[in-house]
Amino acid sequence: MAKIVVLGAGLGGVLAAYEIRKAVRRKDDVVVINEYDFYQFVPSNPWVLVGWRDREDIVVDLAGPMKKRGIELVVGKAAKVQPEQKSVQLGDGTAIPYDYLVIATGPELAFDEIEGLGPKGHTQSVCHIDHATQANLAFEEFCKDPGPVIVGAVQGASCYGPAYETLMIIETELRKRKIRDRVPMTYVTSEPYIGHLGLDGVGDTKSLLESEMRERHIKWITNARVLKAEAGTMTVEELNEDGTIKEVHALPMKFSMMLPAFRGVGAVQGVEGLSNPRGFILVDKHQRNPKYPEIFGIGVCIAIPPMGKTPVPVGVPKTGFMIESMVTATAENLAQIVRGEAPTHEATWNAICLADFGDKGVAFVAQPQIPPRNVNWSGSGGWVHTAKVGFEKYFLGKVRSGKSETFYENALLGLIKTHKIKAN
């Protein structure tokens, strides 16, 4: 009998628990450790910010579904992963032993790296449901006396889709409230160009997103390094291609949502051989840590090198489809290992993204996610908004039921069929 512990119950952790439970032997134990007793559908947080969703709409209690699938749920914050002892120490001093550990913690949000950044400072966030609900309260107050809005992603960020979504969704909501004419909007990003997305673009995302922003009268600053956020002002350095300073902007703002840089959570930081200097988990092609092969890493918490040199640091996103492929590879590899076999499965790292703009949106397919690609497609239209709403309902329904499915793969196949995208 093997005890398999999954650390984290976000997108990767929940799917991993379900798929591992299904793949391994009945006599093996599967345990999930999570700081909260709920799952949150983070892609819906931009809708929460503008009041289109409530907390209850996108949060799922995990106790019932986990119990139904024969998975033990331990609610508590991990203080330290102890590979030598093969245990996870919790904040209350409890140690949870494991034979195999799957780290799916997601990131720690590095708001502290920039003065005044984050919900405790002068900008909002959509990275957590608590942040999004706070941002909604701030947004409602803002709408009573509107002014300049800044949305974007700071240096070192590795997630750009939600920034574009939040920008466009806010713009759509302001038009609905008939106060758009009173709100200058600026998109500030570390990306070298609009639509880069940390992926050097996908299909024609550069033109699609630039066109959308021009149509909506949104200005932008790329190659941007945020220096600080203060009450009413954000100070930003705009860099040239050679990294020299082109211009320093003191941008007025009355409301702002900026995505921070990510780093590994405290429980894995500084563990030699397990994580890199930034705290991200080191993994091989089978999602295993080279030094501690009984430990696997999946999702946003793993280390992936950047696409290439850019004037301002730009990270690589770990999209839902990519995470799902890591989950499946990990579950199948664990099934082989507990049966005494060598692991053979590798993640495909393809990408499908639906970026909702509130009334329409942009979708893209990248196979693989990191270029060069076999499929490099993007498209836009009102159907993207409809698809995102449908996907939210579908995904949350599956989490509530405790069922394991290749959610993103099914969505990708639907896109390919509907839009006749050539797949490899």
Protein backbone atom coordinates (compact mmCIF):
# COMPACT_ATOMS: atom_id res chain seq x y z
CA MET A 1 0.00 0.00 0.00
CA ALA A 2 1.27 3.48 -0.87
CA LYS A 3 0.29 6.81 0.64
CA ILE A 4 0.07 9.51 -2.01
CA VAL A 5 -0.25 13.09 -0.79
CA VAL A 6 -1.35 15.94 -3.06
CA LEU A 7 -0.30 19.35 -1.71
CA GLY A 8 -2.74 21.99 -2.95
CA ALA A 9 -6.31 21.89 -4.23
CA GLY A 10 -6.42 24.41 -7.02
CA LEU A 11 -6.98 23.46 -10.64
CA GLY A 12 -4.02 21.07 -10.75
CA GLY A 13 -4.44 19.66 -7.26
CA VAL A 14 -8.14 18.82 -7.52
CA LEU A 15 -7.74 17.21 -10.92
CA ALA A 16 -4.66 15.35 -9.70
CA ALA A 17 -6.49 13.95 -6.69
CA TYR A 18 -9.37 12.71 -8.84
CA GLU A 19 -7.17 11.23 -11.56
CA ILE A 20 -4.67 9.63 -9.17
CA ARG A 21 -7.47 8.05 -7.16
CA LYS A 22 -8.83 6.58 -10.38
CA ALA A 23 -5.44 5.43 -11.70
CA VAL A 24 -3.74 3.82 -8.69
CA ARG A 25 -4.66 0.66 -6.81
CA ARG A 26 -7.71 0.56 -4.54
CA LYS A 27 -5.51 -0.20 -1.53
CA ASP A 28 -3.44 2.96 -2.04
CA ASP A 29 -4.36 6.02 0.04
CA VAL A 30 -4.81 9.44 -1.57
CA VAL A 31 -4.66 12.49 0.72
CA VAL A 32 -5.11 16.16 -0.22
CA ILE A 33 -3.65 18.94 1.92
CA ASN A 34 -5.08 22.39 1.27
CA GLU A 35 -5.14 25.66 3.17
CA TYR A 36 -8.88 25.99 2.54
CA ASP A 37 -11.79 23.54 2.52
CA PHE A 38 -12.97 24.84 -0.86
CA TYR A 39 -11.99 25.03 -4.51
CA GLN A 40 -12.22 28.37 -6.30
CA PHE A 41 -12.60 28.76 -10.07
CA VAL A 42 -9.99 31.49 -10.50
CA PRO A 43 -10.78 32.19 -14.21
CA SER A 44 -14.09 33.73 -13.08
CA ASN A 45 -12.50 36.26 -10.71
CA PRO A 46 -12.55 39.12 -13.27
CA TRP A 47 -16.33 38.66 -13.38
CA VAL A 48 -16.44 38.86 -9.57
CA LEU A 49 -14.52 42.16 -9.71
CA VAL A 50 -17.29 43.86 -11.72
CA GLY A 51 -20.15 42.12 -9.90
CA TRP A 52 -21.15 39.60 -12.57
CA ARG A 53 -20.49 36.72 -10.18
CA ASP A 54 -20.67 36.30 -6.41
CA ARG A 55 -18.30 34.28 -4.29
CA GLU A 56 -20.88 31.51 -3.93
CA ASP A 57 -21.10 31.15 -7.71
CA ILE A 58 -17.49 30.02 -8.18
CA VAL A 59 -16.54 28.32 -4.91
CA VAL A 60 -17.04 24.57 -4.36
CA ASP A 61 -16.93 22.84 -0.97
CA LEU A 62 -14.39 20.01 -1.29
CA ALA A 63 -15.30 17.80 1.66
CA GLY A 64 -18.26 16.09 -0.05
CA PRO A 65 -16.70 15.39 -3.48
CA MET A 66 -13.42 14.21 -1.92
CA LYS A 67 -15.16 11.85 0.49
CA LYS A 68 -17.31 10.52 -2.32
CA ARG A 69 -14.21 9.56 -4.30
CA GLY A 70 -12.41 8.01 -1.33
CA ILE A 71 -9.93 10.87 -0.91
CA GLU A 72 -8.95 12.22 2.52
CA LEU A 73 -8.98 16.03 2.80
CA VAL A 74 -6.68 17.67 5.36
CA VAL A 75 -7.36 21.39 5.82
CA GLY A 76 -4.25 23.28 6.88
CA LYS A 77 -1.43 25.41 5.55
CA ALA A 78 1.82 23.63 4.74
CA ALA A 79 4.76 25.12 6.64
CA LYS A 80 7.54 23.00 5.16
CA VAL A 81 8.04 20.11 2.78
CA GLN A 82 10.63 17.79 4.35
CA PRO A 83 11.93 15.49 1.59
CA GLU A 84 14.47 13.71 3.79
CA GLN A 85 11.76 12.76 6.27
CA LYS A 86 9.20 12.23 3.48
CA SER A 87 6.64 14.38 5.25
CA VAL A 88 4.80 17.68 5.00
CA GLN A 89 4.80 19.77 8.17
CA LEU A 90 1.70 21.89 8.73
CA GLY A 91 1.49 25.24 10.47
CA ASP A 92 0.14 23.65 13.66
CA GLY A 93 3.16 21.34 13.89
CA THR A 94 1.39 18.27 12.51
CA ALA A 95 3.50 16.17 10.14
CA ILE A 96 1.77 14.31 7.29
CA PRO A 97 3.95 11.42 6.04
CA TYR A 98 3.94 10.29 2.43
CA ASP A 99 5.36 7.66 0.13
CA TYR A 100 4.77 9.91 -2.88
CA LEU A 101 4.10 13.64 -2.91
CA VAL A 102 2.49 15.68 -5.69
CA ILE A 103 3.17 19.40 -5.23
CA ALA A 104 0.37 21.45 -6.78
CA THR A 105 0.42 24.52 -4.56
CA GLY A 106 0.19 27.15 -7.23
CA PRO A 107 2.30 30.27 -6.61
CA GLU A 108 2.98 32.69 -3.83
CA LEU A 109 2.02 36.18 -4.99
CA ALA A 110 5.01 38.51 -4.81
CA PHE A 111 3.20 41.78 -4.13
CA ASP A 112 5.92 42.79 -1.68
CA GLU A 113 8.51 43.08 -4.46
CA ILE A 114 7.01 46.40 -5.61
CA GLU A 115 6.18 49.22 -3.23
CA GLY A 116 2.44 49.75 -2.85
CA LEU A 117 1.42 46.77 -5.01
CA GLY A 118 -1.47 44.51 -4.12
CA PRO A 119 -4.69 44.44 -2.07
CA LYS A 120 -2.86 45.69 1.01
CA GLY A 121 -1.44 48.54 -1.05
CA HIS A 122 -2.93 50.60 -3.85
CA THR A 123 -3.78 48.03 -6.54
CA GLN A 124 -6.35 45.25 -6.72
CA SER A 125 -5.92 41.59 -7.70
CA VAL A 126 -7.95 38.78 -9.30
CA CYS A 127 -5.56 36.01 -8.24
CA HIS A 128 -7.76 34.82 -5.35
CA ILE A 129 -11.48 34.95 -4.62
CA ASP A 130 -10.84 37.04 -1.50
CA HIS A 131 -8.90 39.55 -3.62
CA ALA A 132 -11.65 39.63 -6.23
CA THR A 133 -14.40 40.29 -3.69
CA GLN A 134 -12.32 43.11 -2.18
CA ALA A 135 -11.73 44.46 -5.68
CA ASN A 136 -15.48 44.45 -6.30
CA LEU A 137 -16.09 46.65 -3.27
CA ALA A 138 -13.37 49.04 -4.47
CA PHE A 139 -14.80 49.02 -8.00
CA GLU A 140 -18.30 49.94 -6.78
CA GLU A 141 -16.86 52.88 -4.86
CA PHE A 142 -14.83 53.88 -7.91
CA CYS A 143 -17.93 53.92 -10.10
CA LYS A 144 -19.52 56.53 -7.83
CA ASP A 145 -16.70 58.94 -8.70
CA PRO A 146 -14.79 57.50 -11.70
CA GLY A 147 -11.39 58.48 -13.01
CA PRO A 148 -8.28 56.92 -14.61
CA VAL A 149 -7.92 53.12 -14.62
CA ILE A 150 -4.67 51.14 -14.95
CA VAL A 151 -4.70 47.38 -15.55
CA GLY A 152 -1.79 45.11 -16.41
CA ALA A 153 0.99 42.79 -15.29
CA VAL A 154 4.25 43.77 -13.62
CA GLN A 155 7.82 42.69 -14.36
CA GLY A 156 8.37 38.97 -13.82
CA ALA A 157 4.68 38.14 -14.19
CA SER A 158 3.93 34.86 -15.92
CA CYS A 159 0.18 35.16 -16.37
CA TYR A 160 -1.21 37.71 -18.83
CA GLY A 161 -4.59 36.43 -20.00
CA PRO A 162 -6.41 37.54 -16.82
CA ALA A 163 -4.94 41.04 -17.18
CA TYR A 164 -6.37 41.42 -20.70
CA GLU A 165 -9.67 39.92 -19.53
CA THR A 166 -9.95 42.24 -16.53
CA LEU A 167 -9.11 45.25 -18.69
CA MET A 168 -11.77 44.47 -21.27
CA ILE A 169 -14.41 43.32 -18.79
CA ILE A 170 -14.03 46.55 -16.82
CA GLU A 171 -14.32 48.51 -20.07
CA THR A 172 -17.49 46.60 -21.01
CA GLU A 173 -19.04 47.18 -17.58
CA LEU A 174 -18.21 50.91 -17.68
CA ARG A 175 -20.03 51.19 -21.01
CA LYS A 176 -23.04 49.38 -19.52
CA ARG A 177 -23.09 51.90 -16.68
CA LYS A 178 -22.69 54.75 -19.19
CA ILE A 179 -19.63 56.17 -17.43
CA ARG A 180 -16.96 54.96 -19.88
CA ASP A 181 -16.51 58.49 -21.20
CA ARG A 182 -15.26 59.56 -17.77
CA VAL A 183 -12.58 56.87 -17.49
CA PRO A 184 -9.19 57.07 -19.28
CA MET A 185 -7.78 53.52 -19.43
CA THR A 186 -4.16 52.36 -19.74
CA TYR A 187 -2.76 48.84 -20.02
CA VAL A 188 0.70 48.55 -18.44
CA THR A 189 2.64 45.34 -19.12
CA SER A 190 6.10 43.83 -18.99
CA GLU A 191 5.40 42.14 -22.34
CA PRO A 192 7.58 43.36 -25.23
CA TYR A 193 4.45 43.82 -27.34
CA ILE A 194 0.68 43.57 -26.97
CA GLY A 195 -0.45 39.96 -27.35
CA HIS A 196 2.91 38.42 -26.41
CA LEU A 197 1.23 36.64 -23.46
CA GLY A 198 4.54 35.19 -22.27
CA LEU A 199 4.41 32.89 -25.31
CA ASP A 200 5.78 35.15 -28.04
CA GLY A 201 2.21 35.43 -29.27
CA VAL A 202 -0.15 32.75 -30.56
CA GLY A 203 -1.51 33.07 -34.08
CA ASP A 204 -2.40 36.72 -34.59
CA THR A 205 -2.91 37.69 -30.94
CA LYS A 206 -0.80 40.83 -31.45
CA SER A 207 -3.08 42.28 -34.10
CA LEU A 208 -6.28 40.98 -32.51
CA LEU A 209 -5.56 42.50 -29.11
CA GLU A 210 -4.13 45.76 -30.45
CA SER A 211 -7.20 46.20 -32.64
CA GLU A 212 -9.51 45.49 -29.71
CA MET A 213 -7.73 48.04 -27.55
CA ARG A 214 -7.81 50.71 -30.25
CA GLU A 215 -11.50 50.10 -30.78
CA ARG A 216 -12.09 50.55 -27.05
CA HIS A 217 -9.83 53.64 -26.79
CA ILE A 218 -7.39 51.98 -24.39
CA LYS A 219 -3.77 53.18 -24.36
CA TRP A 220 -0.89 50.87 -23.54
CA ILE A 221 2.71 50.84 -22.35
CA THR A 222 4.81 47.74 -23.11
CA ASN A 223 8.32 46.89 -21.86
CA ALA A 224 7.09 48.45 -18.62
CA ARG A 225 8.74 48.15 -15.22
CA VAL A 226 6.50 49.26 -12.36
CA LEU A 227 8.51 51.14 -9.73
CA LYS A 228 5.79 51.86 -7.19
CA ALA A 229 2.09 52.40 -6.68
CA GLU A 230 0.83 55.24 -4.52
CA ALA A 231 -2.56 56.68 -3.77
CA GLY A 232 -3.56 58.21 -7.09
CA THR A 233 -0.32 57.51 -9.00
CA MET A 234 1.64 54.63 -10.50
CA THR A 235 5.27 55.22 -11.45
CA VAL A 236 6.40 53.17 -14.45
CA GLU A 237 9.66 52.95 -16.39
CA GLU A 238 9.20 52.25 -20.10
CA LEU A 239 12.33 50.56 -21.51
CA ASN A 240 13.87 50.47 -24.97
CA GLU A 241 14.67 47.18 -26.66
CA ASP A 242 18.25 47.34 -25.34
CA GLY A 243 17.01 47.69 -21.76
CA THR A 244 17.77 51.39 -21.39
CA ILE A 245 15.13 53.71 -19.99
CA LYS A 246 12.99 55.28 -22.69
CA GLU A 247 10.67 57.27 -20.44
CA VAL A 248 9.45 57.42 -16.85
CA HIS A 249 5.68 57.76 -16.52
CA ALA A 250 3.81 59.09 -13.50
CA LEU A 251 0.38 57.70 -14.39
CA PRO A 252 -2.70 59.01 -12.60
CA MET A 253 -5.02 56.29 -11.35
CA LYS A 254 -8.20 56.00 -9.38
CA PHE A 255 -8.57 52.23 -9.77
CA SER A 256 -6.00 49.61 -10.71
CA MET A 257 -5.66 45.84 -11.05
CA MET A 258 -2.10 44.61 -11.58
CA LEU A 259 -1.01 40.98 -11.73
CA PRO A 260 2.10 40.38 -9.61
CA ALA A 261 5.13 38.22 -10.25
CA PHE A 262 4.94 34.67 -8.89
CA ARG A 263 7.35 32.67 -6.76
CA GLY A 264 7.23 29.31 -5.04
CA VAL A 265 5.32 29.04 -1.76
CA GLY A 266 7.23 29.28 1.50
CA ALA A 267 6.89 25.54 2.19
CA VAL A 268 9.23 24.68 -0.70
CA GLN A 269 11.51 27.71 -0.82
CA GLY A 270 15.13 27.05 0.04
CA VAL A 271 14.88 23.24 -0.15
CA GLU A 272 18.06 22.40 -2.07
CA GLY A 273 17.47 20.19 -5.07
CA LEU A 274 13.70 20.51 -4.83
CA SER A 275 13.19 24.10 -5.93
CA ASN A 276 15.11 26.75 -7.87
CA PRO A 277 16.19 30.11 -6.35
CA ARG A 278 12.74 31.51 -7.10
CA GLY A 279 11.10 28.62 -5.25
CA PHE A 280 9.66 26.78 -8.27
CA ILE A 281 9.75 22.98 -8.27
CA LEU A 282 12.35 21.31 -10.48
CA VAL A 283 10.90 18.44 -12.54
CA ASP A 284 12.00 16.10 -15.33
CA LYS A 285 10.00 15.00 -18.38
CA HIS A 286 7.93 12.67 -16.18
CA GLN A 287 7.04 15.52 -13.75
CA ARG A 288 9.40 14.02 -11.13
CA ASN A 289 11.97 15.93 -9.12
CA PRO A 290 15.49 14.76 -10.10
CA LYS A 291 16.84 14.68 -6.53
CA TYR A 292 13.70 13.34 -4.87
CA PRO A 293 12.00 11.07 -7.45
CA GLU A 294 9.13 10.30 -5.07
CA ILE A 295 8.09 13.98 -5.43
CA PHE A 296 6.17 15.24 -8.47
CA GLY A 297 5.39 18.82 -9.44
CA ILE A 298 2.46 20.06 -11.54
CA GLY A 299 0.97 23.39 -12.52
CA VAL A 300 2.03 26.93 -11.83
CA CYS A 301 4.47 25.87 -9.09
CA ILE A 302 6.95 24.14 -11.45
CA ALA A 303 10.04 25.74 -12.97
CA ILE A 304 9.91 26.55 -16.69
CA PRO A 305 12.61 28.75 -18.27
CA PRO A 306 11.45 31.97 -20.00
CA MET A 307 10.87 32.06 -23.76
CA GLY A 308 13.93 34.20 -24.35
CA LYS A 309 15.57 37.46 -23.39
CA THR A 310 13.25 40.47 -23.18
CA PRO A 311 13.94 44.03 -21.98
CA VAL A 312 11.74 43.39 -18.94
CA PRO A 313 11.47 39.89 -17.37
CA VAL A 314 8.49 37.95 -18.77
CA GLY A 315 7.56 34.51 -17.42
CA VAL A 316 5.91 31.60 -19.22
CA PRO A 317 2.27 30.91 -18.27
CA LYS A 318 1.10 27.47 -17.24
CA THR A 319 -2.32 27.34 -18.86
CA GLY A 320 -5.19 25.03 -17.89
CA PHE A 321 -4.68 22.60 -20.77
CA MET A 322 -0.97 22.43 -20.01
CA ILE A 323 -1.67 21.76 -16.32
CA GLU A 324 -4.21 19.10 -17.19
CA SER A 325 -1.64 17.27 -19.31
CA MET A 326 0.83 17.38 -16.38
CA VAL A 327 -1.88 15.94 -14.12
CA THR A 328 -2.64 13.05 -16.47
CA ALA A 329 1.05 12.21 -16.95
CA THR A 330 1.61 12.28 -13.19
CA ALA A 331 -1.40 10.07 -12.42
CA GLU A 332 -0.40 7.49 -15.04
CA ASN A 333 3.22 7.53 -13.89
CA LEU A 334 2.21 6.99 -10.27
CA ALA A 335 -0.02 4.11 -11.35
CA GLN A 336 3.00 2.53 -13.01
CA ILE A 337 5.35 3.17 -10.09
CA VAL A 338 3.12 1.68 -7.37
CA ARG A 339 2.86 -1.44 -9.53
CA GLY A 340 6.62 -1.70 -9.74
CA GLU A 341 7.03 -0.32 -13.26
CA ALA A 342 9.13 2.55 -14.59
CA PRO A 343 7.24 5.76 -15.46
CA THR A 344 6.80 6.43 -19.19
CA HIS A 345 4.21 9.20 -19.51
CA GLU A 346 5.05 12.79 -20.50
CA ALA A 347 2.87 15.90 -20.54
CA THR A 348 1.96 17.28 -23.97
CA TRP A 349 2.05 20.94 -22.88
CA ASN A 350 -0.46 22.11 -25.44
CA ALA A 351 -2.55 25.21 -24.77
CA ILE A 352 -6.11 26.33 -25.29
CA CYS A 353 -7.25 29.66 -23.87
CA LEU A 354 -10.55 31.52 -23.89
CA ALA A 355 -9.97 35.20 -23.02
CA ASP A 356 -13.36 36.73 -22.26
CA PHE A 357 -13.92 40.45 -22.84
CA GLY A 358 -17.41 40.63 -21.38
CA ASP A 359 -19.20 40.85 -24.71
CA LYS A 360 -16.82 38.96 -26.99
CA GLY A 361 -13.25 37.71 -26.67
CA VAL A 362 -10.16 36.07 -28.12
CA ALA A 363 -9.36 32.35 -28.19
CA PHE A 364 -6.14 30.63 -29.16
CA VAL A 365 -4.76 27.15 -29.62
CA ALA A 366 -1.03 26.38 -29.38
CA GLN A 367 0.31 22.89 -29.98
CA PRO A 368 2.71 22.82 -28.22
CA GLN A 369 2.39 25.85 -26.00
CA ILE A 370 6.06 26.79 -26.44
CA PRO A 371 7.05 27.51 -30.09
CA PRO A 372 7.85 26.32 -32.68
CA ARG A 373 4.37 24.84 -32.98
CA ASN A 374 2.41 22.39 -35.07
CA VAL A 375 -0.77 24.41 -34.50
CA ASN A 376 -0.65 28.19 -34.04
CA TRP A 377 -4.20 29.60 -34.21
CA SER A 378 -6.18 32.47 -32.75
CA GLY A 379 -9.66 33.81 -33.37
CA SER A 380 -12.14 36.26 -31.90
CA GLY A 381 -15.84 36.95 -31.64
CA GLY A 382 -18.91 36.85 -29.41
CA TRP A 383 -18.75 33.06 -29.35
CA VAL A 384 -15.69 33.24 -27.06
CA HIS A 385 -17.74 34.90 -24.30
CA THR A 386 -20.47 32.29 -24.69
CA ALA A 387 -17.91 29.48 -24.63
CA LYS A 388 -16.25 30.82 -21.46
CA VAL A 389 -19.58 31.02 -19.63
CA GLY A 390 -20.42 27.49 -20.72
CA PHE A 391 -17.02 26.16 -19.72
CA GLU A 392 -17.32 27.68 -16.24
CA LYS A 393 -20.62 25.89 -15.66
CA TYR A 394 -19.32 22.62 -17.08
CA PHE A 395 -16.07 22.64 -15.10
CA LEU A 396 -17.63 23.56 -11.75
CA GLY A 397 -20.24 20.86 -12.24
CA LYS A 398 -17.52 18.25 -12.67
CA VAL A 399 -15.61 19.45 -9.59
CA ARG A 400 -18.80 19.29 -7.51
CA SER A 401 -19.52 15.76 -8.74
CA GLY A 402 -15.99 14.59 -8.04
CA LYS A 403 -15.57 13.24 -11.54
CA SER A 404 -12.25 13.03 -13.35
CA GLU A 405 -12.30 14.13 -16.95
CA THR A 406 -10.00 15.71 -19.50
CA PHE A 407 -11.91 19.00 -19.40
CA TYR A 408 -9.59 21.06 -21.55
CA GLU A 409 -9.01 18.28 -24.05
CA ASN A 410 -12.75 18.06 -24.67
CA ALA A 411 -12.92 21.85 -25.05
CA LEU A 412 -10.02 21.83 -27.50
CA LEU A 413 -11.61 19.10 -29.59
CA GLY A 414 -14.79 21.16 -29.71
CA LEU A 415 -12.88 24.22 -30.90
CA ILE A 416 -11.05 22.22 -33.55
CA LYS A 417 -14.32 20.77 -34.83
CA THR A 418 -16.22 24.06 -34.78
CA HIS A 419 -13.51 26.21 -36.38
CA LYS A 420 -11.85 23.52 -38.49
CA ILE A 421 -8.43 24.15 -36.92
CA LYS A 422 -5.76 21.87 -38.36
CA ALA A 423 -4.43 19.64 -35.56
CA ASN A 424 -1.34 17.47 -35.64
